PDB file of N, CA and C in Angstrom:
ATOM      1  N   UNK A   1      16.632   8.271   8.691  1.00  0.00           N
ATOM      2  CA  UNK A   1      15.783   9.043   7.751  1.00  0.00           C
ATOM      3  C   UNK A   1      15.029  10.144   8.484  1.00  0.00           C
ATOM      4  N   UNK A   2      14.603  11.177   7.797  1.00  0.00           N
ATOM      5  CA  UNK A   2      13.865  12.281   8.432  1.00  0.00           C
ATOM      6  C   UNK A   2      12.526  11.790   8.968  1.00  0.00           C
ATOM      7  N   UNK A   3      11.952  12.497   9.914  1.00  0.00           N
ATOM      8  CA  UNK A   3      10.650  12.085  10.461  1.00  0.00           C
ATOM      9  C   UNK A   3       9.599  12.020   9.369  1.00  0.00           C
ATOM     10  N   UNK A   4       8.585  11.167   9.537  1.00  0.00           N
ATOM     11  CA  UNK A   4       7.549  11.005   8.500  1.00  0.00           C
ATOM     12  C   UNK A   4       6.954  12.336   8.076  1.00  0.00           C
ATOM     13  N   UNK A   5       6.898  13.301   9.006  1.00  0.00           N
ATOM     14  CA  UNK A   5       6.288  14.595   8.675  1.00  0.00           C
ATOM     15  C   UNK A   5       7.113  15.310   7.609  1.00  0.00           C
ATOM     16  N   UNK A   6       8.413  14.982   7.523  1.00  0.00           N
ATOM     17  CA  UNK A   6       9.274  15.647   6.537  1.00  0.00           C
ATOM     18  C   UNK A   6       9.471  14.776   5.302  1.00  0.00           C
ATOM     19  N   UNK A   7       9.010  13.534   5.363  1.00  0.00           N
ATOM     20  CA  UNK A   7       9.168  12.652   4.213  1.00  0.00           C
ATOM     21  C   UNK A   7       8.034  12.863   3.224  1.00  0.00           C
ATOM     22  N   UNK A   8       8.339  12.967   1.937  1.00  0.00           N
ATOM     23  CA  UNK A   8       7.278  13.079   0.927  1.00  0.00           C
ATOM     24  C   UNK A   8       6.394  11.835   0.951  1.00  0.00           C
ATOM     25  N   UNK A   9       5.112  11.972   0.692  1.00  0.00           N
ATOM     26  CA  UNK A   9       4.180  10.847   0.766  1.00  0.00           C
ATOM     27  C   UNK A   9       4.597   9.671  -0.103  1.00  0.00           C
ATOM     28  N   UNK A  10       5.197   9.965  -1.261  1.00  0.00           N
ATOM     29  CA  UNK A  10       5.570   8.888  -2.177  1.00  0.00           C
ATOM     30  C   UNK A  10       6.778   8.122  -1.637  1.00  0.00           C
ATOM     31  N   UNK A  11       7.466   8.701  -0.650  1.00  0.00           N
ATOM     32  CA  UNK A  11       8.650   8.045  -0.079  1.00  0.00           C
ATOM     33  C   UNK A  11       8.381   7.629   1.362  1.00  0.00           C
ATOM     34  N   UNK A  12       7.107   7.653   1.755  1.00  0.00           N
ATOM     35  CA  UNK A  12       6.725   7.382   3.152  1.00  0.00           C
ATOM     36  C   UNK A  12       7.407   6.096   3.630  1.00  0.00           C
ATOM     37  N   UNK A  13       7.021   4.956   3.082  1.00  0.00           N
ATOM     38  CA  UNK A  13       7.614   3.687   3.485  1.00  0.00           C
ATOM     39  C   UNK A  13       7.360   2.658   2.391  1.00  0.00           C
ATOM     40  N   UNK A  14       8.347   2.434   1.536  1.00  0.00           N
ATOM     41  CA  UNK A  14       8.170   1.493   0.410  1.00  0.00           C
ATOM     42  C   UNK A  14       7.596   0.154   0.876  1.00  0.00           C
ATOM     43  N   UNK A  15       8.064  -0.334   2.028  1.00  0.00           N
ATOM     44  CA  UNK A  15       7.573  -1.628   2.494  1.00  0.00           C
ATOM     45  C   UNK A  15       6.086  -1.553   2.823  1.00  0.00           C
ATOM     46  N   UNK A  16       5.699  -0.512   3.570  1.00  0.00           N
ATOM     47  CA  UNK A  16       4.279  -0.384   3.929  1.00  0.00           C
ATOM     48  C   UNK A  16       3.452  -0.175   2.670  1.00  0.00           C
ATOM     49  N   UNK A  17       3.978   0.644   1.750  1.00  0.00           N
ATOM     50  CA  UNK A  17       3.212   0.894   0.513  1.00  0.00           C
ATOM     51  C   UNK A  17       3.044  -0.408  -0.238  1.00  0.00           C
ATOM     52  N   UNK A  18       4.105  -1.195  -0.340  1.00  0.00           N
ATOM     53  CA  UNK A  18       4.011  -2.460  -1.071  1.00  0.00           C
ATOM     54  C   UNK A  18       2.983  -3.370  -0.396  1.00  0.00           C
ATOM     55  N   UNK A  19       3.012  -3.391   0.944  1.00  0.00           N
ATOM     56  CA  UNK A  19       2.042  -4.229   1.668  1.00  0.00           C
ATOM     57  C   UNK A  19       0.628  -3.735   1.401  1.00  0.00           C
ATOM     58  N   UNK A  20       0.451  -2.416   1.459  1.00  0.00           N
ATOM     59  CA  UNK A  20      -0.885  -1.855   1.227  1.00  0.00           C
ATOM     60  C   UNK A  20      -1.331  -2.186  -0.192  1.00  0.00           C
ATOM     61  N   UNK A  21      -0.425  -2.031  -1.162  1.00  0.00           N
ATOM     62  CA  UNK A  21      -0.790  -2.333  -2.548  1.00  0.00           C
ATOM     63  C   UNK A  21      -1.133  -3.811  -2.685  1.00  0.00           C
ATOM     64  N   UNK A  22      -0.360  -4.667  -2.044  1.00  0.00           N
ATOM     65  CA  UNK A  22      -0.639  -6.099  -2.109  1.00  0.00           C
ATOM     66  C   UNK A  22      -2.013  -6.401  -1.523  1.00  0.00           C
ATOM     67  N   UNK A  23      -2.319  -5.769  -0.384  1.00  0.00           N
ATOM     68  CA  UNK A  23      -3.625  -5.993   0.250  1.00  0.00           C
ATOM     69  C   UNK A  23      -4.735  -5.537  -0.689  1.00  0.00           C
ATOM     70  N   UNK A  24      -4.514  -4.386  -1.333  1.00  0.00           N
ATOM     71  CA  UNK A  24      -5.543  -3.887  -2.258  1.00  0.00           C
ATOM     72  C   UNK A  24      -5.740  -4.883  -3.392  1.00  0.00           C
ATOM     73  N   UNK A  25      -4.637  -5.407  -3.925  1.00  0.00           N
ATOM     74  CA  UNK A  25      -4.775  -6.361  -5.029  1.00  0.00           C
ATOM     75  C   UNK A  25      -5.530  -7.596  -4.553  1.00  0.00           C
ATOM     76  N   UNK A  26      -5.252  -8.014  -3.296  1.00  0.00           N
ATOM     77  CA  UNK A  26      -5.952  -9.185  -2.782  1.00  0.00           C
ATOM     78  C   UNK A  26      -7.422  -8.872  -2.550  1.00  0.00           C
ATOM     79  N   UNK A  27      -7.712  -7.586  -2.263  1.00  0.00           N
ATOM     80  CA  UNK A  27      -9.095  -7.203  -1.980  1.00  0.00           C
ATOM     81  C   UNK A  27      -9.839  -6.805  -3.254  1.00  0.00           C
ATOM     82  N   UNK A  28      -9.171  -6.882  -4.398  1.00  0.00           N
ATOM     83  CA  UNK A  28      -9.856  -6.564  -5.655  1.00  0.00           C
ATOM     84  C   UNK A  28     -11.054  -7.525  -5.801  1.00  0.00           C
ATOM     85  N   UNK A  29     -12.180  -7.017  -6.243  1.00  0.00           N
ATOM     86  CA  UNK A  29     -13.377  -7.865  -6.376  1.00  0.00           C
ATOM     87  C   UNK A  29     -13.053  -9.203  -7.032  1.00  0.00           C
ATOM     88  N   UNK A  30     -13.216 -10.276  -6.294  1.00  0.00           N
ATOM     89  CA  UNK A  30     -12.948 -11.599  -6.842  1.00  0.00           C
ATOM     90  C   UNK A  30     -14.080 -12.011  -7.775  1.00  0.00           C
ATOM     91  N   UNK A  31     -13.826 -12.960  -8.649  1.00  0.00           N
ATOM     92  CA  UNK A  31     -14.880 -13.390  -9.584  1.00  0.00           C
ATOM     93  C   UNK A  31     -16.110 -13.861  -8.820  1.00  0.00           C
ATOM     94  N   UNK A  32     -17.299 -13.485  -9.268  1.00  0.00           N
ATOM     95  CA  UNK A  32     -18.538 -13.863  -8.558  1.00  0.00           C
ATOM     96  C   UNK A  32     -18.688 -15.366  -8.453  1.00  0.00           C
ATOM     97  N   UNK A  33     -19.145 -15.811  -7.308  1.00  0.00           N
ATOM     98  CA  UNK A  33     -19.347 -17.256  -7.126  1.00  0.00           C
ATOM     99  C   UNK A  33     -20.540 -17.720  -7.957  1.00  0.00           C
ATOM    100  N   UNK A  34     -20.522 -18.939  -8.395  1.00  0.00           N
ATOM    101  CA  UNK A  34     -21.632 -19.471  -9.218  1.00  0.00           C
ATOM    102  C   UNK A  34     -22.945 -19.535  -8.439  1.00  0.00           C
TER     103      UNK A  34
END
């Protein structure tokens, strides 16, 4: 594949993006503790 500098941001790295999205979902504010 072309170097990251030539890759469009949306096509940067599906795996890394998925991991980042997963981390964000895990970091979503959890329900407040009682």
